[in-house]
Amino acid sequence: MKAFCVLFLSALVLSPPADARSMRRADSCDGLTARMIRATGASLAGRDGSLSVFRALDADRMSLECRAPARMTFASQDREPAGAYFILIGLAAEGLVGAGAEEVEVLARTLHQRALVTGMPQAGRAGRAALRCETGAAAPAQPAGVRCVLVSHRPAALRRRAGLFPEHEPV
């Protein structure tokens, strides 16, 4: 019992307070928000916890969710937005995950066109960026528009199974 009390008290003393953890998360979200402003040229419209909302001429709504994995959402009321919308997605991908802006721009255009044709959400990857785009219905009763969500894509690391010799590992 005495050892348990000592362990509990030492864990309590050595762990950072909850306020410090939330401050670090807020600092990292502040840094990510600033990075997105620099990368895209958008301005900050507001922030609530881990969600940052931006004003951008090329998208009706652009938001950043800082919780891991960080994701950006781009929405336009136009079913077929101007080309600057796709450029904005490419710039954000470069700032958020380090993917090539032009490569992600082309992917966004391709996914958008496929979504228009099929009426179904479309997903793809370009470098370290994963993108999902969907379009609204063409019917007058349904809201039209397009929405794309950008997240980081990291390929799974291949690891050997513990305890097996290389010649006995499954292929």
Protein backbone atom coordinates (compact mmCIF):
# COMPACT_ATOMS: atom_id res chain seq x y z
CA MET A 1 0.00 0.00 0.00
CA LYS A 2 2.85 2.34 0.88
CA ALA A 3 4.52 1.72 -2.48
CA PHE A 4 1.25 2.48 -4.29
CA CYS A 5 0.92 5.82 -2.49
CA VAL A 6 4.51 6.72 -3.38
CA LEU A 7 3.95 5.82 -7.03
CA PHE A 8 0.68 7.75 -7.17
CA LEU A 9 2.17 10.86 -5.58
CA SER A 10 5.25 10.77 -7.80
CA ALA A 11 3.07 10.41 -10.92
CA LEU A 12 0.95 13.31 -9.75
CA VAL A 13 3.99 15.51 -9.13
CA LEU A 14 5.84 14.56 -12.33
CA SER A 15 2.93 14.80 -14.77
CA PRO A 16 2.25 18.22 -16.26
CA PRO A 17 -0.96 19.87 -15.10
CA ALA A 18 -3.99 19.69 -17.37
CA ASP A 19 -3.72 23.42 -17.99
CA ALA A 20 -0.18 22.99 -19.31
CA ARG A 21 -1.30 20.23 -21.71
CA SER A 22 -4.17 22.34 -23.02
CA MET A 23 -1.78 25.32 -23.37
CA ARG A 24 0.59 23.18 -25.49
CA ARG A 25 -2.31 22.05 -27.69
CA ALA A 26 -3.45 25.66 -28.07
CA ASP A 27 0.11 26.74 -28.93
CA SER A 28 0.44 24.01 -31.55
CA CYS A 29 -2.96 24.96 -33.03
CA ASP A 30 -1.88 28.61 -33.06
CA GLY A 31 1.26 27.63 -34.96
CA LEU A 32 -0.67 25.49 -37.44
CA THR A 33 -3.21 28.28 -37.96
CA ALA A 34 -0.42 30.78 -38.60
CA ARG A 35 1.21 28.36 -41.05
CA MET A 36 -2.08 28.04 -42.98
CA ILE A 37 -2.46 31.82 -43.14
CA ARG A 38 1.07 32.13 -44.57
CA ALA A 39 0.57 29.27 -47.03
CA THR A 40 -2.83 30.31 -48.39
CA GLY A 41 -3.06 34.06 -47.81
CA ALA A 42 -6.42 33.57 -46.06
CA SER A 43 -7.30 35.58 -42.98
CA LEU A 44 -8.50 34.21 -39.66
CA ALA A 45 -12.24 34.70 -39.17
CA GLY A 46 -12.45 33.02 -35.77
CA ARG A 47 -11.25 30.26 -33.53
CA ASP A 48 -13.00 28.01 -31.05
CA GLY A 49 -10.85 25.43 -29.28
CA SER A 50 -9.20 23.28 -31.93
CA LEU A 51 -11.24 24.71 -34.83
CA SER A 52 -10.02 27.67 -36.86
CA VAL A 53 -12.19 29.26 -39.54
CA PHE A 54 -10.70 31.39 -42.30
CA ARG A 55 -11.90 33.95 -44.82
CA ALA A 56 -10.69 33.23 -48.31
CA LEU A 57 -11.84 34.78 -51.56
CA ASP A 58 -11.61 31.43 -53.31
CA ALA A 59 -13.76 29.36 -50.92
CA ASP A 60 -17.01 30.16 -49.13
CA ARG A 61 -15.77 28.29 -46.08
CA MET A 62 -12.28 27.15 -45.16
CA SER A 63 -11.68 25.59 -41.77
CA LEU A 64 -8.88 23.81 -39.94
CA GLU A 65 -9.44 21.15 -37.28
CA CYS A 66 -6.19 20.97 -35.30
CA ARG A 67 -6.84 17.68 -33.46
CA ALA A 68 -4.72 14.83 -34.76
CA PRO A 69 -4.85 14.14 -37.58
CA ALA A 70 -5.21 17.78 -38.60
CA ARG A 71 -7.73 18.31 -41.40
CA MET A 72 -8.78 21.19 -43.57
CA THR A 73 -12.23 21.56 -45.10
CA PHE A 74 -12.94 23.70 -48.15
CA ALA A 75 -16.50 24.45 -49.23
CA SER A 76 -17.92 26.42 -52.12
CA GLN A 77 -21.56 27.12 -52.85
CA ASP A 78 -20.81 26.80 -56.56
CA ARG A 79 -21.21 23.33 -57.98
CA GLU A 80 -18.35 24.15 -60.35
CA PRO A 81 -16.08 26.62 -58.53
CA ALA A 82 -13.47 28.77 -60.22
CA GLY A 83 -9.96 27.44 -60.67
CA ALA A 84 -8.68 29.48 -57.73
CA TYR A 85 -10.62 27.14 -55.39
CA PHE A 86 -8.41 24.22 -56.45
CA ILE A 87 -5.25 26.33 -56.26
CA LEU A 88 -6.19 27.19 -52.66
CA ILE A 89 -6.46 23.47 -51.82
CA GLY A 90 -3.01 22.87 -53.31
CA LEU A 91 -1.45 25.71 -51.34
CA ALA A 92 -3.05 24.45 -48.13
CA ALA A 93 -1.76 20.92 -48.78
CA GLU A 94 1.74 22.27 -49.20
CA GLY A 95 1.49 24.14 -45.88
CA LEU A 96 -0.33 21.44 -43.92
CA VAL A 97 1.41 18.23 -44.98
CA GLY A 98 4.27 19.27 -47.25
CA ALA A 99 2.73 17.84 -50.43
CA GLY A 100 3.35 19.44 -53.81
CA ALA A 101 0.83 22.23 -54.38
CA GLU A 102 0.44 21.61 -58.11
CA GLU A 103 0.07 17.86 -57.67
CA VAL A 104 -2.69 18.30 -55.07
CA GLU A 105 -4.39 20.96 -57.21
CA VAL A 106 -4.58 18.51 -60.12
CA LEU A 107 -5.90 15.81 -57.79
CA ALA A 108 -8.59 18.15 -56.45
CA ARG A 109 -9.72 19.03 -59.98
CA THR A 110 -9.80 15.35 -60.96
CA LEU A 111 -11.76 14.28 -57.88
CA HIS A 112 -14.21 17.14 -58.36
CA GLN A 113 -14.87 16.16 -61.98
CA ARG A 114 -15.33 12.51 -61.01
CA ALA A 115 -17.75 13.52 -58.24
CA LEU A 116 -19.74 15.61 -60.72
CA VAL A 117 -20.00 12.70 -63.15
CA THR A 118 -20.75 9.93 -60.63
CA GLY A 119 -22.65 11.91 -58.00
CA MET A 120 -20.59 10.07 -55.38
CA PRO A 121 -17.78 11.32 -53.12
CA GLN A 122 -14.32 10.67 -54.56
CA ALA A 123 -11.04 10.18 -52.71
CA GLY A 124 -7.40 10.08 -53.72
CA ARG A 125 -3.83 10.69 -52.60
CA ALA A 126 -1.02 12.87 -53.85
CA GLY A 127 2.26 12.54 -52.01
CA ARG A 128 1.58 13.05 -48.31
CA ALA A 129 -1.91 14.48 -48.91
CA ALA A 130 -5.16 12.55 -48.86
CA LEU A 131 -8.16 14.35 -50.33
CA ARG A 132 -11.88 13.61 -50.46
CA CYS A 133 -14.25 15.72 -52.57
CA GLU A 134 -18.00 15.61 -52.97
CA THR A 135 -20.55 17.71 -54.80
CA GLY A 136 -24.06 18.67 -53.79
CA ALA A 137 -27.09 17.49 -55.72
CA ALA A 138 -28.05 19.24 -58.93
CA ALA A 139 -31.73 19.26 -57.90
CA PRO A 140 -33.11 22.68 -56.89
CA ALA A 141 -34.34 21.42 -53.49
CA GLN A 142 -30.87 20.20 -52.52
CA PRO A 143 -27.96 22.54 -51.73
CA ALA A 144 -25.49 22.68 -54.57
CA GLY A 145 -21.81 23.16 -54.09
CA VAL A 146 -18.60 21.28 -53.52
CA ARG A 147 -16.76 20.26 -50.37
CA CYS A 148 -13.23 18.88 -50.15
CA VAL A 149 -11.47 17.58 -47.04
CA LEU A 150 -7.67 17.44 -46.85
CA VAL A 151 -5.74 15.27 -44.36
CA SER A 152 -2.22 13.94 -44.05
CA HIS A 153 -1.50 10.55 -45.58
CA ARG A 154 1.39 8.62 -44.15
CA PRO A 155 2.07 5.19 -45.57
CA ALA A 156 2.15 2.37 -43.05
CA ALA A 157 5.61 1.50 -41.86
CA LEU A 158 6.60 -2.07 -42.60
CA ARG A 159 7.91 -3.83 -39.52
CA ARG A 160 9.20 -7.29 -38.85
CA ARG A 161 7.32 -9.49 -36.48
CA ALA A 162 9.10 -9.96 -33.17
CA GLY A 163 10.65 -13.36 -32.60
CA LEU A 164 10.76 -14.50 -36.21
CA PHE A 165 13.88 -14.97 -38.21
CA PRO A 166 13.95 -13.31 -41.64
CA GLU A 167 13.82 -16.65 -43.44
CA HIS A 168 10.63 -17.61 -41.55
CA GLU A 169 8.70 -14.37 -42.01
CA PRO A 170 5.58 -14.40 -44.16
CA VAL A 171 6.00 -12.78 -47.55
